[in-house]
């Protein structure tokens, strides 16, 4: 069995409510809305934990983001 990094473990265990091709899905600062959660508005895919800290920016699926100053890939280069 392969060792998982903490980020890979969270990605595997915490299933997001939605998935899309949004640029934020590949960012380590996105905290997705968890499946079955009823609190956030229906259009949110998650929250950016870096932008506007400590009030966190809600990321909606319909926002077109081509580039972000806070983006950091959650994939570790090998």
N, C-alpha and C. Protein backbone atom coordinates (compact mmCIF):
# COMPACT_ATOMS: atom_id res chain seq x y z
N UNK A 1 0.85 -1.18 0.00
CA UNK A 1 0.00 0.00 0.00
C UNK A 1 0.89 1.24 0.00
N UNK A 2 0.58 2.16 -0.88
CA UNK A 2 1.38 3.38 -1.02
C UNK A 2 1.08 4.36 0.11
N UNK A 3 2.09 5.07 0.53
CA UNK A 3 1.93 6.12 1.54
C UNK A 3 1.25 7.33 0.92
N UNK A 4 0.28 7.88 1.61
CA UNK A 4 -0.40 9.08 1.15
C UNK A 4 0.13 10.29 1.90
N UNK A 5 0.25 11.40 1.20
CA UNK A 5 0.59 12.65 1.87
C UNK A 5 -0.67 13.12 2.61
N UNK A 6 -0.53 14.02 3.57
CA UNK A 6 -1.73 14.53 4.24
C UNK A 6 -2.76 15.12 3.28
N UNK A 7 -2.31 15.84 2.26
CA UNK A 7 -3.24 16.43 1.29
C UNK A 7 -3.95 15.35 0.48
N UNK A 8 -3.22 14.32 0.05
CA UNK A 8 -3.84 13.22 -0.70
C UNK A 8 -4.87 12.48 0.16
N UNK A 9 -4.56 12.31 1.43
CA UNK A 9 -5.49 11.65 2.34
C UNK A 9 -6.79 12.45 2.46
N UNK A 10 -6.67 13.76 2.66
CA UNK A 10 -7.87 14.61 2.77
C UNK A 10 -8.67 14.60 1.47
N UNK A 11 -7.98 14.63 0.34
CA UNK A 11 -8.66 14.60 -0.95
C UNK A 11 -9.43 13.30 -1.14
N UNK A 12 -8.92 12.22 -0.58
CA UNK A 12 -9.55 10.91 -0.73
C UNK A 12 -10.72 10.72 0.24
N UNK A 13 -10.57 11.20 1.46
CA UNK A 13 -11.57 10.98 2.50
C UNK A 13 -12.72 11.98 2.45
N UNK A 14 -12.39 13.25 2.25
CA UNK A 14 -13.42 14.29 2.25
C UNK A 14 -13.93 14.52 0.83
N UNK A 15 -15.05 13.94 0.52
CA UNK A 15 -15.61 14.04 -0.82
C UNK A 15 -16.31 15.39 -1.00
N UNK A 16 -15.94 16.14 -2.05
CA UNK A 16 -16.60 17.43 -2.29
C UNK A 16 -18.02 17.25 -2.81
N UNK A 17 -18.85 18.25 -2.55
CA UNK A 17 -20.23 18.25 -3.00
C UNK A 17 -20.30 18.31 -4.53
N UNK A 18 -19.42 19.12 -5.14
CA UNK A 18 -19.39 19.29 -6.59
C UNK A 18 -17.96 19.15 -7.08
N UNK A 19 -17.82 18.95 -8.37
CA UNK A 19 -16.51 19.01 -9.00
C UNK A 19 -16.68 19.71 -10.33
N UNK A 20 -15.66 20.44 -10.74
CA UNK A 20 -15.70 21.16 -12.01
C UNK A 20 -14.27 21.34 -12.51
N UNK A 21 -14.13 22.05 -13.61
CA UNK A 21 -12.79 22.30 -14.17
C UNK A 21 -12.24 23.64 -13.70
N UNK A 22 -12.78 24.17 -12.63
CA UNK A 22 -12.35 25.45 -12.05
C UNK A 22 -10.88 25.37 -11.66
N UNK A 23 -10.11 26.42 -11.91
CA UNK A 23 -8.66 26.45 -11.61
C UNK A 23 -8.39 26.21 -10.12
N UNK A 24 -9.31 26.61 -9.27
CA UNK A 24 -9.11 26.49 -7.82
C UNK A 24 -9.05 25.03 -7.34
N UNK A 25 -9.59 24.08 -8.10
CA UNK A 25 -9.54 22.67 -7.68
C UNK A 25 -8.12 22.18 -7.53
N UNK A 26 -7.18 22.75 -8.26
CA UNK A 26 -5.78 22.30 -8.19
C UNK A 26 -4.96 23.11 -7.19
N UNK A 27 -5.59 24.02 -6.45
CA UNK A 27 -4.89 24.86 -5.50
C UNK A 27 -4.94 24.26 -4.09
N UNK A 28 -3.83 24.34 -3.39
CA UNK A 28 -3.80 23.76 -2.04
C UNK A 28 -4.58 24.58 -1.02
N UNK A 29 -4.98 25.80 -1.35
CA UNK A 29 -5.70 26.64 -0.41
C UNK A 29 -7.21 26.51 -0.51
N UNK A 30 -7.72 25.79 -1.52
CA UNK A 30 -9.17 25.60 -1.64
C UNK A 30 -9.63 24.54 -0.64
N UNK A 31 -10.61 24.90 0.14
CA UNK A 31 -11.25 23.94 1.05
C UNK A 31 -12.65 23.72 0.49
N UNK A 32 -12.89 22.55 -0.12
CA UNK A 32 -14.17 22.33 -0.78
C UNK A 32 -15.33 22.18 0.19
N UNK A 33 -16.52 22.47 -0.31
CA UNK A 33 -17.74 22.21 0.44
C UNK A 33 -17.90 20.69 0.46
N UNK A 34 -18.04 20.13 1.64
CA UNK A 34 -18.10 18.68 1.80
C UNK A 34 -19.48 18.15 1.44
N UNK A 35 -19.49 16.96 0.84
CA UNK A 35 -20.73 16.31 0.42
C UNK A 35 -21.69 16.17 1.61
N UNK A 36 -22.93 16.55 1.38
CA UNK A 36 -23.95 16.46 2.41
C UNK A 36 -24.07 17.70 3.28
N UNK A 37 -23.17 18.65 3.11
CA UNK A 37 -23.23 19.88 3.89
C UNK A 37 -24.37 20.74 3.38
N UNK A 38 -25.17 21.28 4.27
CA UNK A 38 -26.32 22.08 3.84
C UNK A 38 -26.14 23.57 4.12
N UNK A 39 -25.02 23.95 4.71
CA UNK A 39 -24.84 25.34 5.12
C UNK A 39 -24.56 26.32 3.99
N UNK A 40 -23.55 26.08 3.13
CA UNK A 40 -23.19 27.11 2.16
C UNK A 40 -24.20 27.23 1.02
N UNK A 41 -24.23 28.38 0.36
CA UNK A 41 -25.10 28.54 -0.81
C UNK A 41 -24.79 27.48 -1.87
N UNK A 42 -25.78 27.16 -2.66
CA UNK A 42 -25.67 26.07 -3.63
C UNK A 42 -24.61 26.29 -4.71
N UNK A 43 -24.27 27.54 -5.02
CA UNK A 43 -23.32 27.79 -6.10
C UNK A 43 -21.86 27.72 -5.65
N UNK A 44 -21.58 27.61 -4.35
CA UNK A 44 -20.20 27.58 -3.87
C UNK A 44 -19.58 26.20 -4.04
N UNK A 45 -18.32 26.18 -4.52
CA UNK A 45 -17.58 24.92 -4.59
C UNK A 45 -16.63 24.80 -3.41
N UNK A 46 -16.32 25.93 -2.78
CA UNK A 46 -15.42 25.89 -1.64
C UNK A 46 -15.00 27.27 -1.20
N UNK A 47 -14.00 27.31 -0.33
CA UNK A 47 -13.50 28.55 0.23
C UNK A 47 -11.99 28.63 0.05
N UNK A 48 -11.50 29.78 -0.35
CA UNK A 48 -10.05 29.99 -0.45
C UNK A 48 -9.55 30.41 0.92
N UNK A 49 -8.62 29.66 1.47
CA UNK A 49 -8.12 29.93 2.81
C UNK A 49 -7.00 30.96 2.83
N UNK A 50 -6.60 31.47 1.65
CA UNK A 50 -5.51 32.45 1.60
C UNK A 50 -6.02 33.86 1.28
N UNK A 51 -6.95 33.97 0.36
CA UNK A 51 -7.45 35.28 -0.05
C UNK A 51 -8.41 35.80 1.01
N UNK A 52 -8.23 37.03 1.41
CA UNK A 52 -9.06 37.73 2.39
C UNK A 52 -9.06 37.06 3.76
N UNK A 53 -7.97 36.41 4.13
CA UNK A 53 -7.91 35.81 5.46
C UNK A 53 -8.10 36.89 6.50
N UNK A 54 -8.81 36.74 7.54
CA UNK A 54 -9.44 35.53 8.08
C UNK A 54 -10.89 35.35 7.65
N UNK A 55 -11.37 36.11 6.66
CA UNK A 55 -12.78 36.02 6.29
C UNK A 55 -13.03 35.13 5.08
N UNK A 56 -12.02 34.56 4.51
CA UNK A 56 -12.09 33.56 3.44
C UNK A 56 -13.04 33.92 2.30
N UNK A 57 -12.53 33.80 1.12
CA UNK A 57 -13.26 34.14 -0.09
C UNK A 57 -14.04 32.92 -0.55
N UNK A 58 -15.36 33.06 -0.71
CA UNK A 58 -16.17 31.96 -1.23
C UNK A 58 -15.95 31.84 -2.73
N UNK A 59 -15.70 30.63 -3.20
CA UNK A 59 -15.44 30.38 -4.62
C UNK A 59 -16.68 29.75 -5.23
N UNK A 60 -17.29 30.47 -6.17
CA UNK A 60 -18.48 29.96 -6.85
C UNK A 60 -18.06 29.27 -8.15
N UNK A 61 -18.84 28.30 -8.55
CA UNK A 61 -18.54 27.54 -9.75
C UNK A 61 -18.60 28.40 -11.00
N UNK A 62 -19.43 29.44 -11.00
CA UNK A 62 -19.59 30.27 -12.20
C UNK A 62 -18.53 31.36 -12.34
N UNK A 63 -17.68 31.56 -11.32
CA UNK A 63 -16.60 32.53 -11.44
C UNK A 63 -15.56 32.02 -12.44
N UNK A 64 -15.20 32.86 -13.39
CA UNK A 64 -14.17 32.47 -14.36
C UNK A 64 -12.84 33.03 -13.87
N UNK A 65 -11.99 32.16 -13.36
CA UNK A 65 -10.69 32.56 -12.85
C UNK A 65 -9.63 31.95 -13.75
N UNK A 66 -8.89 32.80 -14.45
CA UNK A 66 -7.84 32.30 -15.34
C UNK A 66 -6.49 32.31 -14.65
N UNK A 67 -6.31 33.22 -13.71
CA UNK A 67 -5.04 33.36 -13.02
C UNK A 67 -5.32 33.90 -11.62
N UNK A 68 -4.54 33.45 -10.64
CA UNK A 68 -4.75 33.89 -9.27
C UNK A 68 -3.40 34.11 -8.61
N UNK A 69 -3.25 35.24 -7.93
CA UNK A 69 -1.97 35.55 -7.29
C UNK A 69 -1.70 34.61 -6.11
N UNK A 70 -2.73 34.00 -5.54
CA UNK A 70 -2.56 33.14 -4.37
C UNK A 70 -2.43 31.67 -4.74
N UNK A 71 -2.52 31.33 -6.03
CA UNK A 71 -2.52 29.93 -6.45
C UNK A 71 -1.20 29.25 -6.14
N UNK A 72 -1.31 28.08 -5.50
CA UNK A 72 -0.17 27.19 -5.29
C UNK A 72 -0.69 25.78 -5.53
N UNK A 73 -0.05 25.06 -6.43
CA UNK A 73 -0.48 23.73 -6.79
C UNK A 73 -0.38 22.78 -5.60
N UNK A 74 -1.41 21.93 -5.44
CA UNK A 74 -1.34 20.97 -4.35
C UNK A 74 -0.59 19.72 -4.76
N UNK A 75 -0.28 19.60 -6.02
CA UNK A 75 0.53 18.47 -6.49
C UNK A 75 2.00 18.79 -6.25
N UNK A 76 2.67 17.89 -5.56
CA UNK A 76 4.08 18.08 -5.24
C UNK A 76 4.92 17.66 -6.44
N UNK A 77 5.81 18.54 -6.94
CA UNK A 77 6.68 18.15 -8.06
C UNK A 77 7.62 17.02 -7.64
N UNK A 78 7.83 16.08 -8.54
CA UNK A 78 8.68 14.92 -8.22
C UNK A 78 10.05 15.08 -8.81
